[in-house]
N, C-alpha and C. Protein backbone atom coordinates (compact mmCIF):
# COMPACT_ATOMS: atom_id res chain seq x y z
N UNK A 1 15.35 -17.48 -18.02
CA UNK A 1 15.88 -16.17 -17.25
C UNK A 1 16.79 -15.45 -18.27
N UNK A 2 16.59 -14.24 -17.97
CA UNK A 2 17.65 -13.34 -18.97
C UNK A 2 18.99 -13.52 -18.54
N UNK A 3 20.00 -13.43 -19.48
CA UNK A 3 21.26 -13.47 -19.26
C UNK A 3 22.04 -12.15 -19.47
N UNK A 4 23.28 -12.15 -19.07
CA UNK A 4 23.94 -10.87 -19.46
C UNK A 4 24.09 -9.98 -17.99
N UNK A 5 25.05 -9.07 -18.28
CA UNK A 5 25.11 -8.19 -17.15
C UNK A 5 24.21 -7.18 -17.05
N UNK A 6 24.38 -6.46 -15.88
CA UNK A 6 23.50 -5.56 -15.40
C UNK A 6 23.52 -4.34 -16.48
N UNK A 7 22.40 -4.00 -16.79
CA UNK A 7 22.30 -2.64 -17.93
C UNK A 7 22.66 -1.48 -17.39
N UNK A 8 23.59 -0.87 -17.40
CA UNK A 8 24.03 0.32 -16.66
C UNK A 8 23.60 1.49 -17.32
N UNK A 9 23.10 1.30 -18.44
CA UNK A 9 22.35 2.48 -19.18
C UNK A 9 21.03 2.74 -18.53
N UNK A 10 20.49 1.81 -17.76
CA UNK A 10 19.33 2.02 -16.90
C UNK A 10 19.87 2.69 -15.50
N UNK A 11 19.87 3.91 -15.44
CA UNK A 11 20.32 4.50 -14.18
C UNK A 11 19.66 4.07 -12.75
N UNK A 12 20.40 4.39 -11.97
CA UNK A 12 19.80 3.98 -10.52
C UNK A 12 18.52 4.73 -10.27
N UNK A 13 18.61 5.91 -10.59
CA UNK A 13 17.18 6.63 -10.32
C UNK A 13 16.26 6.40 -11.26
N UNK A 14 16.36 5.51 -12.41
CA UNK A 14 15.20 5.11 -13.36
C UNK A 14 14.17 4.42 -12.45
N UNK A 15 12.94 4.80 -12.97
CA UNK A 15 11.78 4.19 -12.06
C UNK A 15 11.46 3.00 -12.94
N UNK A 16 11.25 1.99 -12.18
CA UNK A 16 10.70 0.71 -12.55
C UNK A 16 9.25 0.70 -12.11
N UNK A 17 8.23 0.06 -12.95
CA UNK A 17 6.80 -0.17 -12.72
C UNK A 17 6.70 -1.57 -12.69
N UNK A 18 5.84 -1.99 -11.67
CA UNK A 18 5.57 -3.25 -11.57
C UNK A 18 3.91 -3.43 -11.29
N UNK A 19 3.25 -4.05 -12.29
CA UNK A 19 1.79 -4.39 -12.22
C UNK A 19 1.50 -5.28 -10.97
N UNK A 20 0.34 -4.90 -10.22
CA UNK A 20 0.13 -5.60 -8.94
C UNK A 20 -1.29 -6.06 -9.11
N UNK A 21 -1.66 -7.61 -9.14
CA UNK A 21 -2.84 -7.92 -9.31
C UNK A 21 -3.78 -7.73 -8.13
N UNK A 22 -4.96 -7.72 -8.04
CA UNK A 22 -6.01 -7.38 -6.90
C UNK A 22 -5.59 -8.41 -5.84
N UNK A 23 -5.33 -9.63 -6.10
CA UNK A 23 -5.05 -10.66 -5.02
C UNK A 23 -4.02 -10.45 -4.16
N UNK A 24 -2.85 -9.70 -4.64
CA UNK A 24 -1.71 -9.33 -4.22
C UNK A 24 -1.66 -8.04 -3.54
N UNK A 25 -2.77 -7.44 -3.09
CA UNK A 25 -2.83 -6.23 -2.39
C UNK A 25 -3.65 -6.46 -1.00
N UNK A 26 -2.87 -5.97 0.15
CA UNK A 26 -3.15 -6.08 1.41
C UNK A 26 -3.56 -4.74 1.95
N UNK A 27 -4.39 -4.81 3.19
CA UNK A 27 -4.70 -3.78 3.76
C UNK A 27 -3.70 -3.77 5.15
N UNK A 28 -2.92 -2.85 5.09
CA UNK A 28 -1.77 -2.78 6.20
C UNK A 28 -2.43 -1.92 7.55
N UNK A 29 -2.75 -2.58 8.57
CA UNK A 29 -3.37 -2.10 9.46
C UNK A 29 -2.18 -1.32 10.42
N UNK A 30 -1.14 -1.75 10.25
CA UNK A 30 -0.13 -1.47 11.26
C UNK A 30 0.90 -0.10 10.55
N UNK A 31 0.54 0.50 9.43
CA UNK A 31 1.20 1.59 8.78
C UNK A 31 1.50 2.79 9.72
N UNK A 32 2.36 3.50 9.77
CA UNK A 32 2.48 4.75 10.72
C UNK A 32 1.47 5.77 10.36
N UNK A 33 1.17 5.87 9.16
CA UNK A 33 -0.04 6.78 8.79
C UNK A 33 -1.46 6.30 8.66
N UNK A 34 -1.63 5.24 9.30
CA UNK A 34 -2.99 4.53 9.47
C UNK A 34 -3.01 3.48 8.58
N UNK A 35 -4.15 2.79 8.39
CA UNK A 35 -4.41 1.69 7.61
C UNK A 35 -4.23 2.11 5.92
N UNK A 36 -3.51 1.49 5.14
CA UNK A 36 -3.51 1.86 3.79
C UNK A 36 -3.19 0.58 3.12
N UNK A 37 -3.66 0.61 1.49
CA UNK A 37 -3.40 -0.35 0.82
C UNK A 37 -2.08 -0.32 0.26
N UNK A 38 -1.51 -1.80 0.35
CA UNK A 38 -0.14 -1.75 -0.28
C UNK A 38 -0.01 -3.35 -0.72
N UNK A 39 1.02 -3.36 -1.96
CA UNK A 39 1.34 -4.58 -2.37
C UNK A 39 1.49 -5.59 -1.30
N UNK A 40 1.40 -6.79 -1.50
CA UNK A 40 1.81 -7.86 -0.41
C UNK A 40 3.28 -8.12 -1.02
N UNK A 41 4.09 -8.90 0.16
CA UNK A 41 5.27 -9.36 -0.65
C UNK A 41 5.34 -10.37 -1.78
N UNK A 42 4.32 -11.05 -1.62
CA UNK A 42 4.15 -12.12 -2.71
C UNK A 42 4.14 -11.43 -4.05
N UNK A 43 3.73 -9.95 -4.16
CA UNK A 43 3.81 -9.41 -5.28
C UNK A 43 5.09 -9.21 -6.04
N UNK A 44 6.11 -9.38 -5.21
CA UNK A 44 7.52 -9.18 -5.76
C UNK A 44 8.35 -10.53 -5.73
N UNK A 45 7.55 -11.79 -5.62
CA UNK A 45 8.10 -13.18 -5.90
C UNK A 45 8.85 -13.16 -7.21
N UNK A 46 9.57 -13.99 -7.26
CA UNK A 46 9.82 -14.52 -8.78
C UNK A 46 8.82 -15.58 -9.36
N UNK A 47 8.72 -15.50 -10.75
CA UNK A 47 7.86 -16.42 -11.06
C UNK A 47 8.51 -17.96 -10.73
N UNK A 48 7.54 -18.94 -10.75
CA UNK A 48 7.83 -20.11 -10.03
C UNK A 48 9.28 -20.77 -10.42
N UNK A 49 9.71 -20.70 -11.59
CA UNK A 49 10.83 -21.38 -11.91
C UNK A 49 12.03 -20.61 -12.46
N UNK A 50 11.94 -19.29 -12.26
CA UNK A 50 12.70 -18.22 -12.78
C UNK A 50 13.31 -17.45 -11.85
N UNK A 51 14.18 -16.57 -12.11
CA UNK A 51 14.94 -15.69 -10.95
C UNK A 51 14.65 -14.14 -11.60
N UNK A 52 13.66 -13.95 -12.49
CA UNK A 52 13.47 -12.70 -13.01
C UNK A 52 12.00 -12.29 -12.59
N UNK A 53 11.99 -10.87 -12.25
CA UNK A 53 10.79 -10.27 -11.85
C UNK A 53 10.40 -9.39 -13.03
N UNK A 54 9.32 -9.39 -13.64
CA UNK A 54 8.88 -8.55 -14.80
C UNK A 54 8.70 -7.12 -14.19
N UNK A 55 9.20 -5.99 -14.99
CA UNK A 55 8.83 -4.55 -14.68
C UNK A 55 8.98 -3.96 -16.07
N UNK A 56 8.44 -2.77 -15.99
CA UNK A 56 8.36 -1.71 -17.08
C UNK A 56 9.30 -0.63 -16.85
N UNK A 57 10.11 -0.26 -17.84
CA UNK A 57 10.83 1.07 -17.66
C UNK A 57 9.88 2.28 -17.86
N UNK A 58 9.72 3.01 -16.94
CA UNK A 58 8.71 4.05 -16.82
C UNK A 58 9.22 5.08 -18.07
N UNK A 59 10.42 5.26 -18.01
CA UNK A 59 10.83 6.47 -19.18
C UNK A 59 10.48 6.03 -20.63
N UNK A 60 10.61 4.62 -20.92
CA UNK A 60 10.21 4.07 -22.37
C UNK A 60 8.94 4.29 -22.35
N UNK A 61 7.94 4.00 -21.42
CA UNK A 61 6.47 4.22 -21.63
C UNK A 61 6.16 5.57 -21.76
N UNK A 62 6.71 6.49 -21.14
CA UNK A 62 6.35 7.97 -21.22
C UNK A 62 7.05 8.55 -22.49
N UNK A 63 8.19 8.14 -22.92
CA UNK A 63 8.66 8.55 -24.21
C UNK A 63 7.95 8.39 -25.48
N UNK A 64 7.22 7.14 -25.35
CA UNK A 64 6.31 6.79 -26.31
C UNK A 64 5.07 7.30 -26.13
N UNK A 65 4.77 8.32 -25.60
CA UNK A 65 3.63 9.07 -25.37
C UNK A 65 2.46 8.24 -24.74
N UNK A 66 2.89 7.24 -24.00
CA UNK A 66 1.85 6.55 -23.35
C UNK A 66 1.59 6.79 -21.80
N UNK A 67 0.70 6.58 -21.20
CA UNK A 67 0.54 6.82 -19.94
C UNK A 67 0.68 5.71 -18.90
N UNK A 68 0.71 5.78 -17.75
CA UNK A 68 0.78 4.62 -16.82
C UNK A 68 -0.52 3.77 -17.06
N UNK A 69 -1.68 4.31 -17.16
CA UNK A 69 -2.86 3.69 -17.21
C UNK A 69 -2.78 2.94 -18.60
N UNK A 70 -2.16 3.26 -19.73
CA UNK A 70 -2.09 2.40 -20.63
C UNK A 70 -1.53 1.19 -20.62
N UNK A 71 -0.57 1.01 -19.66
CA UNK A 71 0.19 -0.26 -19.27
C UNK A 71 -0.86 -1.33 -18.56
N UNK A 72 -1.89 -0.84 -18.29
CA UNK A 72 -2.89 -1.73 -17.54
C UNK A 72 -4.16 -2.12 -18.38
N UNK A 73 -4.10 -1.68 -19.72
CA UNK A 73 -5.28 -2.16 -20.52
C UNK A 73 -5.70 -3.50 -20.61
N UNK A 74 -4.77 -4.35 -20.39
CA UNK A 74 -4.99 -5.69 -20.53
C UNK A 74 -5.14 -6.40 -19.21
N UNK A 75 -5.00 -5.50 -18.00
CA UNK A 75 -4.84 -5.91 -16.62
C UNK A 75 -6.07 -5.36 -15.95
N UNK A 76 -7.22 -5.48 -15.96
CA UNK A 76 -8.37 -5.15 -15.28
C UNK A 76 -8.19 -5.10 -13.92
N UNK A 77 -8.48 -4.25 -13.10
CA UNK A 77 -8.43 -3.97 -11.58
C UNK A 77 -7.00 -4.20 -11.19
N UNK A 78 -5.95 -4.14 -11.82
CA UNK A 78 -4.53 -4.11 -11.27
C UNK A 78 -4.29 -2.78 -10.90
N UNK A 79 -3.19 -2.70 -9.98
CA UNK A 79 -2.58 -1.41 -9.58
C UNK A 79 -1.22 -1.54 -10.17
N UNK A 80 -0.58 -0.29 -10.08
CA UNK A 80 0.81 -0.19 -10.70
C UNK A 80 1.61 0.64 -9.55
N UNK A 81 2.87 -0.14 -9.08
CA UNK A 81 3.75 0.53 -8.30
C UNK A 81 5.03 0.92 -8.92
N UNK A 82 5.64 1.99 -8.23
CA UNK A 82 7.05 2.36 -8.79
C UNK A 82 8.18 2.15 -7.77
N UNK A 83 9.27 1.84 -8.16
CA UNK A 83 10.36 1.97 -7.33
C UNK A 83 11.82 2.10 -8.45
N UNK A 84 12.76 2.33 -7.63
CA UNK A 84 13.94 2.78 -8.39
C UNK A 84 14.84 1.63 -8.60
N UNK A 85 15.54 1.53 -9.86
CA UNK A 85 16.53 0.63 -10.18
C UNK A 85 17.63 0.41 -9.20
N UNK A 86 18.04 1.60 -8.54
CA UNK A 86 18.95 1.73 -7.56
C UNK A 86 18.60 0.85 -6.17
N UNK A 87 17.38 0.90 -5.92
CA UNK A 87 16.73 0.24 -4.75
C UNK A 87 17.05 -1.24 -5.04
N UNK A 88 16.61 -1.82 -5.97
CA UNK A 88 16.95 -3.23 -6.27
C UNK A 88 18.26 -3.61 -6.45
N UNK A 89 19.04 -2.93 -7.03
CA UNK A 89 20.58 -3.08 -7.24
C UNK A 89 21.06 -3.05 -5.82
N UNK A 90 20.73 -2.49 -4.79
CA UNK A 90 21.24 -2.26 -3.56
C UNK A 90 21.05 -3.55 -2.76
N UNK A 91 20.13 -4.54 -3.30
CA UNK A 91 19.78 -5.69 -2.91
C UNK A 91 20.34 -6.84 -3.78
N UNK A 92 21.33 -6.56 -4.34
CA UNK A 92 22.12 -7.70 -5.24
C UNK A 92 21.29 -8.17 -6.40
N UNK A 93 20.47 -7.21 -7.02
CA UNK A 93 19.78 -7.62 -8.27
C UNK A 93 20.34 -6.95 -9.37
N UNK A 94 20.21 -7.42 -10.67
CA UNK A 94 20.49 -6.78 -11.79
C UNK A 94 19.23 -6.34 -12.58
N UNK A 95 19.39 -5.23 -13.36
CA UNK A 95 18.21 -4.79 -14.22
C UNK A 95 18.59 -5.00 -15.68
N UNK A 96 17.88 -5.71 -16.51
CA UNK A 96 18.14 -5.73 -17.78
C UNK A 96 16.86 -5.49 -18.69
N UNK A 97 17.04 -5.03 -19.87
CA UNK A 97 16.04 -4.71 -20.76
C UNK A 97 15.57 -5.97 -21.56
N UNK A 98 14.22 -6.20 -21.76
CA UNK A 98 13.76 -7.34 -22.36
C UNK A 98 12.59 -6.91 -23.27
N UNK A 99 12.67 -6.05 -24.05
CA UNK A 99 11.77 -5.51 -24.79
C UNK A 99 10.82 -6.84 -25.48
N UNK A 100 9.59 -6.50 -25.56
CA UNK A 100 8.75 -7.69 -26.14
C UNK A 100 7.80 -6.85 -27.31
N UNK A 101 7.45 -7.56 -28.26
CA UNK A 101 6.81 -6.89 -29.38
C UNK A 101 5.64 -6.21 -28.93
N UNK A 102 4.79 -6.55 -27.95
CA UNK A 102 3.55 -5.82 -27.56
C UNK A 102 4.02 -4.97 -26.24
N UNK A 103 5.18 -5.07 -25.86
CA UNK A 103 5.67 -4.09 -24.87
C UNK A 103 7.16 -3.89 -24.64
N UNK A 104 7.41 -2.68 -25.42
CA UNK A 104 8.76 -2.28 -25.64
C UNK A 104 9.53 -1.82 -24.51
N UNK A 105 8.75 -1.50 -23.48
CA UNK A 105 9.31 -1.04 -22.19
C UNK A 105 9.66 -2.22 -21.15
N UNK A 106 9.21 -3.18 -21.55
CA UNK A 106 9.57 -4.41 -20.65
C UNK A 106 11.07 -4.72 -20.17
N UNK A 107 11.19 -4.82 -19.09
CA UNK A 107 12.57 -5.30 -18.48
C UNK A 107 12.49 -6.33 -17.26
N UNK A 108 13.38 -6.68 -16.87
CA UNK A 108 13.39 -7.64 -15.76
C UNK A 108 14.35 -7.33 -14.82
N UNK A 109 14.14 -7.58 -13.49
CA UNK A 109 14.94 -7.58 -12.32
C UNK A 109 15.26 -9.04 -11.97
N UNK A 110 16.71 -9.16 -11.98
CA UNK A 110 17.26 -10.76 -12.00
C UNK A 110 18.01 -10.82 -10.83
N UNK A 111 17.65 -11.84 -9.97
CA UNK A 111 18.36 -12.43 -8.86
C UNK A 111 17.33 -12.95 -7.94
N UNK A 112 17.76 -13.64 -6.99
CA UNK A 112 16.99 -14.20 -5.96
C UNK A 112 16.43 -13.14 -5.14
N UNK A 113 14.95 -13.22 -5.09
CA UNK A 113 14.29 -12.23 -4.01
C UNK A 113 14.51 -12.52 -2.66
N UNK A 114 15.13 -11.98 -1.92
CA UNK A 114 15.23 -12.21 -0.41
C UNK A 114 14.02 -11.71 0.18
N UNK A 115 13.73 -12.29 1.26
CA UNK A 115 12.54 -11.72 2.12
C UNK A 115 12.78 -10.29 2.55
N UNK A 116 13.91 -9.98 2.86
CA UNK A 116 14.30 -8.41 3.05
C UNK A 116 13.94 -7.55 1.96
N UNK A 117 14.26 -7.88 0.72
CA UNK A 117 14.03 -7.30 -0.51
C UNK A 117 12.56 -7.15 -0.82
N UNK A 118 11.85 -8.26 -0.85
CA UNK A 118 10.45 -8.24 -0.95
C UNK A 118 9.63 -7.47 0.24
N UNK A 119 10.12 -7.43 1.48
CA UNK A 119 9.41 -6.54 2.38
C UNK A 119 9.61 -4.97 1.94
N UNK A 120 10.80 -4.75 1.77
CA UNK A 120 11.27 -3.46 1.34
C UNK A 120 10.42 -2.90 0.24
N UNK A 121 10.26 -3.80 -0.95
CA UNK A 121 9.32 -3.23 -1.96
C UNK A 121 8.00 -3.17 -1.51
N UNK A 122 7.59 -4.21 -0.85
CA UNK A 122 5.95 -4.17 -0.41
C UNK A 122 5.72 -2.76 0.36
N UNK A 123 6.69 -2.24 1.29
CA UNK A 123 6.29 -1.20 2.22
C UNK A 123 6.77 0.18 1.67
N UNK A 124 7.82 0.04 0.64
CA UNK A 124 8.33 1.45 0.14
C UNK A 124 7.95 1.79 -1.45
N UNK A 125 7.35 0.75 -2.23
CA UNK A 125 6.74 1.20 -3.63
C UNK A 125 5.79 2.37 -3.52
N UNK A 126 5.83 3.09 -4.40
CA UNK A 126 4.81 4.08 -4.41
C UNK A 126 3.72 3.72 -5.44
N UNK A 127 2.55 3.95 -5.13
CA UNK A 127 1.36 3.79 -6.00
C UNK A 127 1.30 4.59 -7.01
N UNK A 128 1.67 4.33 -8.45
CA UNK A 128 1.40 4.89 -9.63
C UNK A 128 0.08 5.07 -9.84
N UNK A 129 -0.50 4.00 -9.86
CA UNK A 129 -1.97 3.85 -10.21
C UNK A 129 -2.55 2.85 -8.94
N UNK A 130 -3.48 3.39 -8.21
CA UNK A 130 -4.40 2.58 -7.26
C UNK A 130 -5.09 1.64 -7.85
N UNK A 131 -5.07 0.39 -7.35
CA UNK A 131 -6.18 -0.35 -7.92
C UNK A 131 -7.40 -0.03 -8.10
N UNK A 132 -8.40 -0.70 -8.90
CA UNK A 132 -9.88 -0.01 -8.89
C UNK A 132 -10.63 -0.69 -7.79
N UNK A 133 -10.31 -1.82 -7.26
CA UNK A 133 -11.37 -2.22 -6.39
C UNK A 133 -10.88 -2.09 -5.08
N UNK A 134 -11.78 -1.46 -4.19
CA UNK A 134 -11.43 -1.17 -2.86
C UNK A 134 -11.25 -2.47 -2.13
N UNK A 135 -10.31 -2.32 -1.05
CA UNK A 135 -10.22 -3.65 -0.27
C UNK A 135 -11.29 -3.55 1.02
N UNK A 136 -11.88 -4.55 1.52
CA UNK A 136 -12.61 -4.27 2.78
C UNK A 136 -11.82 -3.78 3.85
N UNK A 137 -12.38 -2.88 4.87
CA UNK A 137 -11.56 -2.40 5.86
C UNK A 137 -11.41 -3.20 7.03
N UNK A 138 -12.13 -4.33 7.12
CA UNK A 138 -11.93 -5.34 8.19
C UNK A 138 -11.70 -6.60 7.91
């Protein structure tokens, strides 16, 4: 798990992107705009023994001349959603940079993910890239 304080150089309005695997996409039949595909709450769980959720800093990706689709090259059929650092901070999370050799835009959202936060992220994240595979309608 990453250590250290919240990285305040990542502003609250900074967009964070999270890759969403096909198995964590659901058809929401109860959405006010009609049935839509959205991430499941499970897409925002921490990994099994950590309290960090892997994300990408959208600005770093774009500043490097990359596109959102470039972040999915090794992740066939995945979608990509965006939400702000301020949203997760409002739920007692911290955001830290964790650049990796193969992904300089990598960061982490650190803290226990409450049911309320996972539900909020699942319902309010915006699709940056819709997944390739359509879900069945029934």
